[in-house]
């Protein structure tokens, strides 16, 4: 196991906030309150557990694009994610701030961020939000004065991501949001963050270290 070198990896203390029906962030309407039967839900669970295995108390949510909508976990301790934590968001209405879902639980309070992140990046399939207090090295910081989890904040974060031309951004006071080509790439990108900046010396084209 790689030992994390960056302080961002330490999770927030205390419970993760939940996405409550009727809150000012939004409301959830259950089209069907039953376990999600999409085959991708199991892969989503495995990915969440793999990421969460690096830190027992790491809280977050993980999503995956569908032809219509997305699969998204509830806000949970990632290493404890189970199939009951996966929700299929069939529709999200930014005007009414409502999510129509199939599943047993409320989706992540950052459903708008996951939804808009995928909508504005058609080449990406997977999303990850981690409730961590500080950014990993080399990550742009978005200083939000908006309500965390709101659609307004999600729009501004999406703009900042486009401007940065990167696949991750840290929302000050909330956590780290990442986009990836697929779930396998998402896990690799996360592992890359844990390793931190490379300590190897740069090499010239002939393979030798450059002279000082």
C-alpha atoms as a PDB file:
ATOM      1  CA  UNK A   1       0.000   0.000   0.000  1.00  0.00           C
ATOM      2  CA  UNK A   2       1.264   3.452  -0.934  1.00  0.00           C
ATOM      3  CA  UNK A   3       1.549   5.822   2.002  1.00  0.00           C
ATOM      4  CA  UNK A   4      -0.279   9.095   1.258  1.00  0.00           C
ATOM      5  CA  UNK A   5       2.066  12.073   1.255  1.00  0.00           C
ATOM      6  CA  UNK A   6      -0.490  14.864   0.951  1.00  0.00           C
ATOM      7  CA  UNK A   7      -2.562  16.242   3.808  1.00  0.00           C
ATOM      8  CA  UNK A   8      -5.644  16.462   1.581  1.00  0.00           C
ATOM      9  CA  UNK A   9      -6.196  12.728   2.127  1.00  0.00           C
ATOM     10  CA  UNK A  10      -7.327  13.166   5.732  1.00  0.00           C
ATOM     11  CA  UNK A  11     -11.148  13.238   5.733  1.00  0.00           C
ATOM     12  CA  UNK A  12     -13.320  15.820   7.438  1.00  0.00           C
ATOM     13  CA  UNK A  13     -14.253  15.076  11.024  1.00  0.00           C
ATOM     14  CA  UNK A  14     -17.889  14.422  11.905  1.00  0.00           C
ATOM     15  CA  UNK A  15     -20.743  13.031   9.825  1.00  0.00           C
ATOM     16  CA  UNK A  16     -21.169  13.807   6.140  1.00  0.00           C
ATOM     17  CA  UNK A  17     -24.164  16.078   5.429  1.00  0.00           C
ATOM     18  CA  UNK A  18     -27.125  14.289   3.844  1.00  0.00           C
ATOM     19  CA  UNK A  19     -29.334  15.275   0.932  1.00  0.00           C
ATOM     20  CA  UNK A  20     -32.745  15.806   2.520  1.00  0.00           C
ATOM     21  CA  UNK A  21     -36.013  15.883   0.550  1.00  0.00           C
ATOM     22  CA  UNK A  22     -37.410  19.384   0.496  1.00  0.00           C
ATOM     23  CA  UNK A  23     -34.128  21.047   1.477  1.00  0.00           C
ATOM     24  CA  UNK A  24     -32.993  24.277  -0.165  1.00  0.00           C
ATOM     25  CA  UNK A  25     -30.534  22.196  -2.191  1.00  0.00           C
ATOM     26  CA  UNK A  26     -33.300  20.179  -3.814  1.00  0.00           C
ATOM     27  CA  UNK A  27     -35.894  17.449  -3.504  1.00  0.00           C
ATOM     28  CA  UNK A  28     -35.939  13.775  -4.417  1.00  0.00           C
ATOM     29  CA  UNK A  29     -38.879  11.954  -5.965  1.00  0.00           C
ATOM     30  CA  UNK A  30     -38.732   8.162  -6.071  1.00  0.00           C
ATOM     31  CA  UNK A  31     -40.074   6.724  -9.304  1.00  0.00           C
ATOM     32  CA  UNK A  32     -39.539   3.335  -7.684  1.00  0.00           C
ATOM     33  CA  UNK A  33     -38.106   2.608  -4.249  1.00  0.00           C
ATOM     34  CA  UNK A  34     -36.328  -0.645  -5.014  1.00  0.00           C
ATOM     35  CA  UNK A  35     -32.717  -1.793  -5.517  1.00  0.00           C
ATOM     36  CA  UNK A  36     -31.122  -0.645  -8.759  1.00  0.00           C
ATOM     37  CA  UNK A  37     -30.857  -3.541 -11.198  1.00  0.00           C
ATOM     38  CA  UNK A  38     -28.483  -1.963 -13.690  1.00  0.00           C
ATOM     39  CA  UNK A  39     -25.422  -4.266 -14.105  1.00  0.00           C
ATOM     40  CA  UNK A  40     -23.132  -1.228 -13.798  1.00  0.00           C
ATOM     41  CA  UNK A  41     -24.197  -0.710 -10.185  1.00  0.00           C
ATOM     42  CA  UNK A  42     -22.005  -3.594  -9.028  1.00  0.00           C
ATOM     43  CA  UNK A  43     -18.954  -2.126 -10.794  1.00  0.00           C
ATOM     44  CA  UNK A  44     -19.736   1.235  -9.195  1.00  0.00           C
ATOM     45  CA  UNK A  45     -19.746  -0.429  -5.771  1.00  0.00           C
ATOM     46  CA  UNK A  46     -16.439  -2.181  -6.430  1.00  0.00           C
ATOM     47  CA  UNK A  47     -14.843   1.096  -7.550  1.00  0.00           C
ATOM     48  CA  UNK A  48     -16.101   2.939  -4.466  1.00  0.00           C
ATOM     49  CA  UNK A  49     -14.737   0.206  -2.199  1.00  0.00           C
ATOM     50  CA  UNK A  50     -11.374   0.198  -3.980  1.00  0.00           C
ATOM     51  CA  UNK A  51     -10.990   3.961  -3.559  1.00  0.00           C
ATOM     52  CA  UNK A  52     -12.287   3.866   0.003  1.00  0.00           C
ATOM     53  CA  UNK A  53      -9.938   1.046   0.967  1.00  0.00           C
ATOM     54  CA  UNK A  54      -7.075   3.549   1.073  1.00  0.00           C
ATOM     55  CA  UNK A  55      -8.644   5.366   4.037  1.00  0.00           C
ATOM     56  CA  UNK A  56     -11.228   3.720   6.297  1.00  0.00           C
ATOM     57  CA  UNK A  57     -13.205   6.900   7.013  1.00  0.00           C
ATOM     58  CA  UNK A  58     -13.094   8.548   3.575  1.00  0.00           C
ATOM     59  CA  UNK A  59     -16.563   9.909   2.747  1.00  0.00           C
ATOM     60  CA  UNK A  60     -17.805  10.692  -0.738  1.00  0.00           C
ATOM     61  CA  UNK A  61     -19.909   9.697  -3.716  1.00  0.00           C
ATOM     62  CA  UNK A  62     -19.197   8.140  -7.095  1.00  0.00           C
ATOM     63  CA  UNK A  63     -21.184   8.334 -10.306  1.00  0.00           C
ATOM     64  CA  UNK A  64     -21.355   6.873 -13.811  1.00  0.00           C
ATOM     65  CA  UNK A  65     -23.046   8.115 -16.957  1.00  0.00           C
ATOM     66  CA  UNK A  66     -26.014   6.245 -18.411  1.00  0.00           C
ATOM     67  CA  UNK A  67     -27.613   6.698 -21.819  1.00  0.00           C
ATOM     68  CA  UNK A  68     -30.275   8.652 -19.952  1.00  0.00           C
ATOM     69  CA  UNK A  69     -29.340   9.884 -16.502  1.00  0.00           C
ATOM     70  CA  UNK A  70     -26.632   8.498 -14.241  1.00  0.00           C
ATOM     71  CA  UNK A  71     -25.890   6.012 -11.508  1.00  0.00           C
ATOM     72  CA  UNK A  72     -24.869   7.730  -8.289  1.00  0.00           C
ATOM     73  CA  UNK A  73     -24.173   6.562  -4.769  1.00  0.00           C
ATOM     74  CA  UNK A  74     -25.472   8.150  -1.620  1.00  0.00           C
ATOM     75  CA  UNK A  75     -22.988  10.135   0.472  1.00  0.00           C
ATOM     76  CA  UNK A  76     -21.327   7.282   2.311  1.00  0.00           C
ATOM     77  CA  UNK A  77     -18.106   5.966   3.807  1.00  0.00           C
ATOM     78  CA  UNK A  78     -16.709   4.658   0.524  1.00  0.00           C
ATOM     79  CA  UNK A  79     -15.178   1.443   1.836  1.00  0.00           C
ATOM     80  CA  UNK A  80     -18.630   0.460   3.180  1.00  0.00           C
ATOM     81  CA  UNK A  81     -20.514   1.156  -0.053  1.00  0.00           C
ATOM     82  CA  UNK A  82     -23.067  -1.508  -0.926  1.00  0.00           C
ATOM     83  CA  UNK A  83     -25.552  -2.050  -3.758  1.00  0.00           C
ATOM     84  CA  UNK A  84     -28.283  -0.474  -1.602  1.00  0.00           C
ATOM     85  CA  UNK A  85     -26.298   2.800  -1.700  1.00  0.00           C
ATOM     86  CA  UNK A  86     -26.572   3.064  -5.496  1.00  0.00           C
ATOM     87  CA  UNK A  87     -29.340   5.199  -6.987  1.00  0.00           C
ATOM     88  CA  UNK A  88     -30.322   5.618 -10.626  1.00  0.00           C
ATOM     89  CA  UNK A  89     -31.018   9.303 -11.282  1.00  0.00           C
ATOM     90  CA  UNK A  90     -33.338   9.159 -14.279  1.00  0.00           C
ATOM     91  CA  UNK A  91     -33.838  12.913 -14.437  1.00  0.00           C
ATOM     92  CA  UNK A  92     -32.588  16.091 -12.783  1.00  0.00           C
ATOM     93  CA  UNK A  93     -34.491  19.364 -13.133  1.00  0.00           C
ATOM     94  CA  UNK A  94     -32.219  22.350 -12.415  1.00  0.00           C
ATOM     95  CA  UNK A  95     -35.158  24.783 -12.402  1.00  0.00           C
ATOM     96  CA  UNK A  96     -37.196  22.943  -9.777  1.00  0.00           C
ATOM     97  CA  UNK A  97     -34.064  21.466  -8.109  1.00  0.00           C
ATOM     98  CA  UNK A  98     -35.643  18.011  -8.226  1.00  0.00           C
ATOM     99  CA  UNK A  99     -34.205  14.554  -8.842  1.00  0.00           C
ATOM    100  CA  UNK A 100     -36.297  11.626 -10.052  1.00  0.00           C
ATOM    101  CA  UNK A 101     -34.646   8.420  -8.903  1.00  0.00           C
ATOM    102  CA  UNK A 102     -34.904   4.660  -8.634  1.00  0.00           C
ATOM    103  CA  UNK A 103     -33.308   3.242  -5.517  1.00  0.00           C
ATOM    104  CA  UNK A 104     -33.485   2.786  -1.781  1.00  0.00           C
ATOM    105  CA  UNK A 105     -31.708   5.938  -0.584  1.00  0.00           C
ATOM    106  CA  UNK A 106     -31.320   9.631  -1.282  1.00  0.00           C
ATOM    107  CA  UNK A 107     -28.603  10.385  -3.851  1.00  0.00           C
ATOM    108  CA  UNK A 108     -25.522  12.364  -2.891  1.00  0.00           C
ATOM    109  CA  UNK A 109     -26.170  15.969  -1.920  1.00  0.00           C
ATOM    110  CA  UNK A 110     -23.807  16.796  -4.803  1.00  0.00           C
ATOM    111  CA  UNK A 111     -26.131  15.263  -7.405  1.00  0.00           C
ATOM    112  CA  UNK A 112     -26.174  18.564  -9.355  1.00  0.00           C
ATOM    113  CA  UNK A 113     -22.368  18.560  -9.534  1.00  0.00           C
ATOM    114  CA  UNK A 114     -22.190  14.970 -10.781  1.00  0.00           C
ATOM    115  CA  UNK A 115     -25.028  15.577 -13.258  1.00  0.00           C
ATOM    116  CA  UNK A 116     -23.645  18.814 -14.683  1.00  0.00           C
ATOM    117  CA  UNK A 117     -20.074  17.531 -14.706  1.00  0.00           C
ATOM    118  CA  UNK A 118     -21.102  14.738 -17.072  1.00  0.00           C
ATOM    119  CA  UNK A 119     -23.408  16.944 -19.134  1.00  0.00           C
ATOM    120  CA  UNK A 120     -20.638  19.440 -19.851  1.00  0.00           C
ATOM    121  CA  UNK A 121     -17.957  16.800 -20.468  1.00  0.00           C
ATOM    122  CA  UNK A 122     -19.389  14.284 -22.954  1.00  0.00           C
ATOM    123  CA  UNK A 123     -16.068  12.433 -23.191  1.00  0.00           C
ATOM    124  CA  UNK A 124     -16.202  11.531 -19.481  1.00  0.00           C
ATOM    125  CA  UNK A 125     -18.106   8.612 -17.999  1.00  0.00           C
ATOM    126  CA  UNK A 126     -17.235   8.620 -14.293  1.00  0.00           C
ATOM    127  CA  UNK A 127     -17.307  11.169 -11.467  1.00  0.00           C
ATOM    128  CA  UNK A 128     -16.024  11.216  -7.893  1.00  0.00           C
ATOM    129  CA  UNK A 129     -16.569  13.579  -4.979  1.00  0.00           C
ATOM    130  CA  UNK A 130     -14.448  13.278  -1.840  1.00  0.00           C
ATOM    131  CA  UNK A 131     -15.179  15.204   1.364  1.00  0.00           C
ATOM    132  CA  UNK A 132     -11.595  16.191   2.135  1.00  0.00           C
ATOM    133  CA  UNK A 133     -10.433  19.446   3.787  1.00  0.00           C
ATOM    134  CA  UNK A 134      -7.532  20.430   1.533  1.00  0.00           C
ATOM    135  CA  UNK A 135      -6.540  20.047  -2.142  1.00  0.00           C
ATOM    136  CA  UNK A 136      -3.951  17.622  -3.497  1.00  0.00           C
ATOM    137  CA  UNK A 137      -0.828  19.213  -5.000  1.00  0.00           C
ATOM    138  CA  UNK A 138      -1.363  20.822  -8.401  1.00  0.00           C
ATOM    139  CA  UNK A 139      -5.139  21.041  -8.054  1.00  0.00           C
ATOM    140  CA  UNK A 140      -6.951  24.317  -8.761  1.00  0.00           C
ATOM    141  CA  UNK A 141      -9.045  25.671  -5.893  1.00  0.00           C
ATOM    142  CA  UNK A 142     -12.530  27.072  -6.442  1.00  0.00           C
ATOM    143  CA  UNK A 143     -13.354  29.551  -3.677  1.00  0.00           C
ATOM    144  CA  UNK A 144     -17.105  29.103  -3.482  1.00  0.00           C
ATOM    145  CA  UNK A 145     -19.391  31.555  -1.718  1.00  0.00           C
ATOM    146  CA  UNK A 146     -22.439  29.595  -2.870  1.00  0.00           C
ATOM    147  CA  UNK A 147     -24.374  26.891  -1.067  1.00  0.00           C
ATOM    148  CA  UNK A 148     -22.454  23.628  -1.251  1.00  0.00           C
ATOM    149  CA  UNK A 149     -24.431  21.117  -3.288  1.00  0.00           C
ATOM    150  CA  UNK A 150     -26.541  23.754  -5.032  1.00  0.00           C
ATOM    151  CA  UNK A 151     -27.045  23.906  -8.794  1.00  0.00           C
ATOM    152  CA  UNK A 152     -25.648  27.447  -8.791  1.00  0.00           C
ATOM    153  CA  UNK A 153     -22.392  26.211  -7.322  1.00  0.00           C
ATOM    154  CA  UNK A 154     -22.308  23.258  -9.730  1.00  0.00           C
ATOM    155  CA  UNK A 155     -22.572  25.651 -12.701  1.00  0.00           C
ATOM    156  CA  UNK A 156     -19.672  27.755 -11.455  1.00  0.00           C
ATOM    157  CA  UNK A 157     -17.560  24.672 -10.731  1.00  0.00           C
ATOM    158  CA  UNK A 158     -18.265  23.328 -14.236  1.00  0.00           C
ATOM    159  CA  UNK A 159     -17.077  26.642 -15.725  1.00  0.00           C
ATOM    160  CA  UNK A 160     -13.941  26.597 -13.592  1.00  0.00           C
ATOM    161  CA  UNK A 161     -13.193  23.023 -14.677  1.00  0.00           C
ATOM    162  CA  UNK A 162     -13.490  23.977 -18.341  1.00  0.00           C
ATOM    163  CA  UNK A 163     -11.214  26.959 -17.841  1.00  0.00           C
ATOM    164  CA  UNK A 164      -8.588  24.878 -16.005  1.00  0.00           C
ATOM    165  CA  UNK A 165      -8.573  22.166 -18.698  1.00  0.00           C
ATOM    166  CA  UNK A 166      -8.070  19.637 -15.919  1.00  0.00           C
ATOM    167  CA  UNK A 167     -10.171  16.711 -14.730  1.00  0.00           C
ATOM    168  CA  UNK A 168     -10.262  17.677 -11.064  1.00  0.00           C
ATOM    169  CA  UNK A 169     -10.992  20.708  -8.930  1.00  0.00           C
ATOM    170  CA  UNK A 170     -11.101  21.407  -5.213  1.00  0.00           C
ATOM    171  CA  UNK A 171     -14.141  23.254  -3.855  1.00  0.00           C
ATOM    172  CA  UNK A 172     -13.025  25.198  -0.818  1.00  0.00           C
ATOM    173  CA  UNK A 173     -14.966  24.111   2.252  1.00  0.00           C
ATOM    174  CA  UNK A 174     -16.517  21.114   0.495  1.00  0.00           C
ATOM    175  CA  UNK A 175     -14.051  18.727  -1.107  1.00  0.00           C
ATOM    176  CA  UNK A 176     -12.469  17.345  -4.267  1.00  0.00           C
ATOM    177  CA  UNK A 177     -14.421  16.676  -7.479  1.00  0.00           C
ATOM    178  CA  UNK A 178     -12.958  14.488 -10.226  1.00  0.00           C
ATOM    179  CA  UNK A 179     -13.965  13.451 -13.747  1.00  0.00           C
ATOM    180  CA  UNK A 180     -12.573  10.462 -15.644  1.00  0.00           C
ATOM    181  CA  UNK A 181     -12.935   8.597 -18.931  1.00  0.00           C
ATOM    182  CA  UNK A 182     -14.277   5.545 -17.090  1.00  0.00           C
ATOM    183  CA  UNK A 183     -14.219   3.872 -13.680  1.00  0.00           C
ATOM    184  CA  UNK A 184     -10.877   2.173 -14.275  1.00  0.00           C
ATOM    185  CA  UNK A 185      -9.297   5.508 -15.198  1.00  0.00           C
ATOM    186  CA  UNK A 186     -10.908   7.108 -12.148  1.00  0.00           C
ATOM    187  CA  UNK A 187      -9.211   4.607  -9.824  1.00  0.00           C
ATOM    188  CA  UNK A 188      -5.855   5.122 -11.570  1.00  0.00           C
ATOM    189  CA  UNK A 189      -6.180   8.905 -11.322  1.00  0.00           C
ATOM    190  CA  UNK A 190      -6.969   8.611  -7.629  1.00  0.00           C
ATOM    191  CA  UNK A 191      -3.953   6.373  -7.073  1.00  0.00           C
ATOM    192  CA  UNK A 192      -1.850   8.988  -8.867  1.00  0.00           C
ATOM    193  CA  UNK A 193      -2.991  11.638  -6.389  1.00  0.00           C
ATOM    194  CA  UNK A 194      -1.919   9.469  -3.467  1.00  0.00           C
ATOM    195  CA  UNK A 195       1.577   9.080  -4.855  1.00  0.00           C
ATOM    196  CA  UNK A 196       1.981  12.844  -5.106  1.00  0.00           C
ATOM    197  CA  UNK A 197       4.484  14.635  -7.367  1.00  0.00           C
ATOM    198  CA  UNK A 198       7.106  12.357  -8.880  1.00  0.00           C
ATOM    199  CA  UNK A 199      10.398  12.384  -7.029  1.00  0.00           C
ATOM    200  CA  UNK A 200      12.297  11.102 -10.027  1.00  0.00           C
ATOM    201  CA  UNK A 201      14.711  13.437 -11.763  1.00  0.00           C
ATOM    202  CA  UNK A 202      13.774  14.596 -15.212  1.00  0.00           C
ATOM    203  CA  UNK A 203      15.636  12.872 -17.991  1.00  0.00           C
ATOM    204  CA  UNK A 204      16.808  14.161 -21.331  1.00  0.00           C
ATOM    205  CA  UNK A 205      15.944  12.485 -24.616  1.00  0.00           C
ATOM    206  CA  UNK A 206      18.986  10.199 -24.379  1.00  0.00           C
ATOM    207  CA  UNK A 207      17.776   8.890 -21.016  1.00  0.00           C
ATOM    208  CA  UNK A 208      20.377  10.711 -18.907  1.00  0.00           C
ATOM    209  CA  UNK A 209      19.638  13.168 -16.183  1.00  0.00           C
ATOM    210  CA  UNK A 210      20.169  16.747 -17.354  1.00  0.00           C
ATOM    211  CA  UNK A 211      23.357  18.493 -16.219  1.00  0.00           C
ATOM    212  CA  UNK A 212      23.048  21.248 -13.639  1.00  0.00           C
END
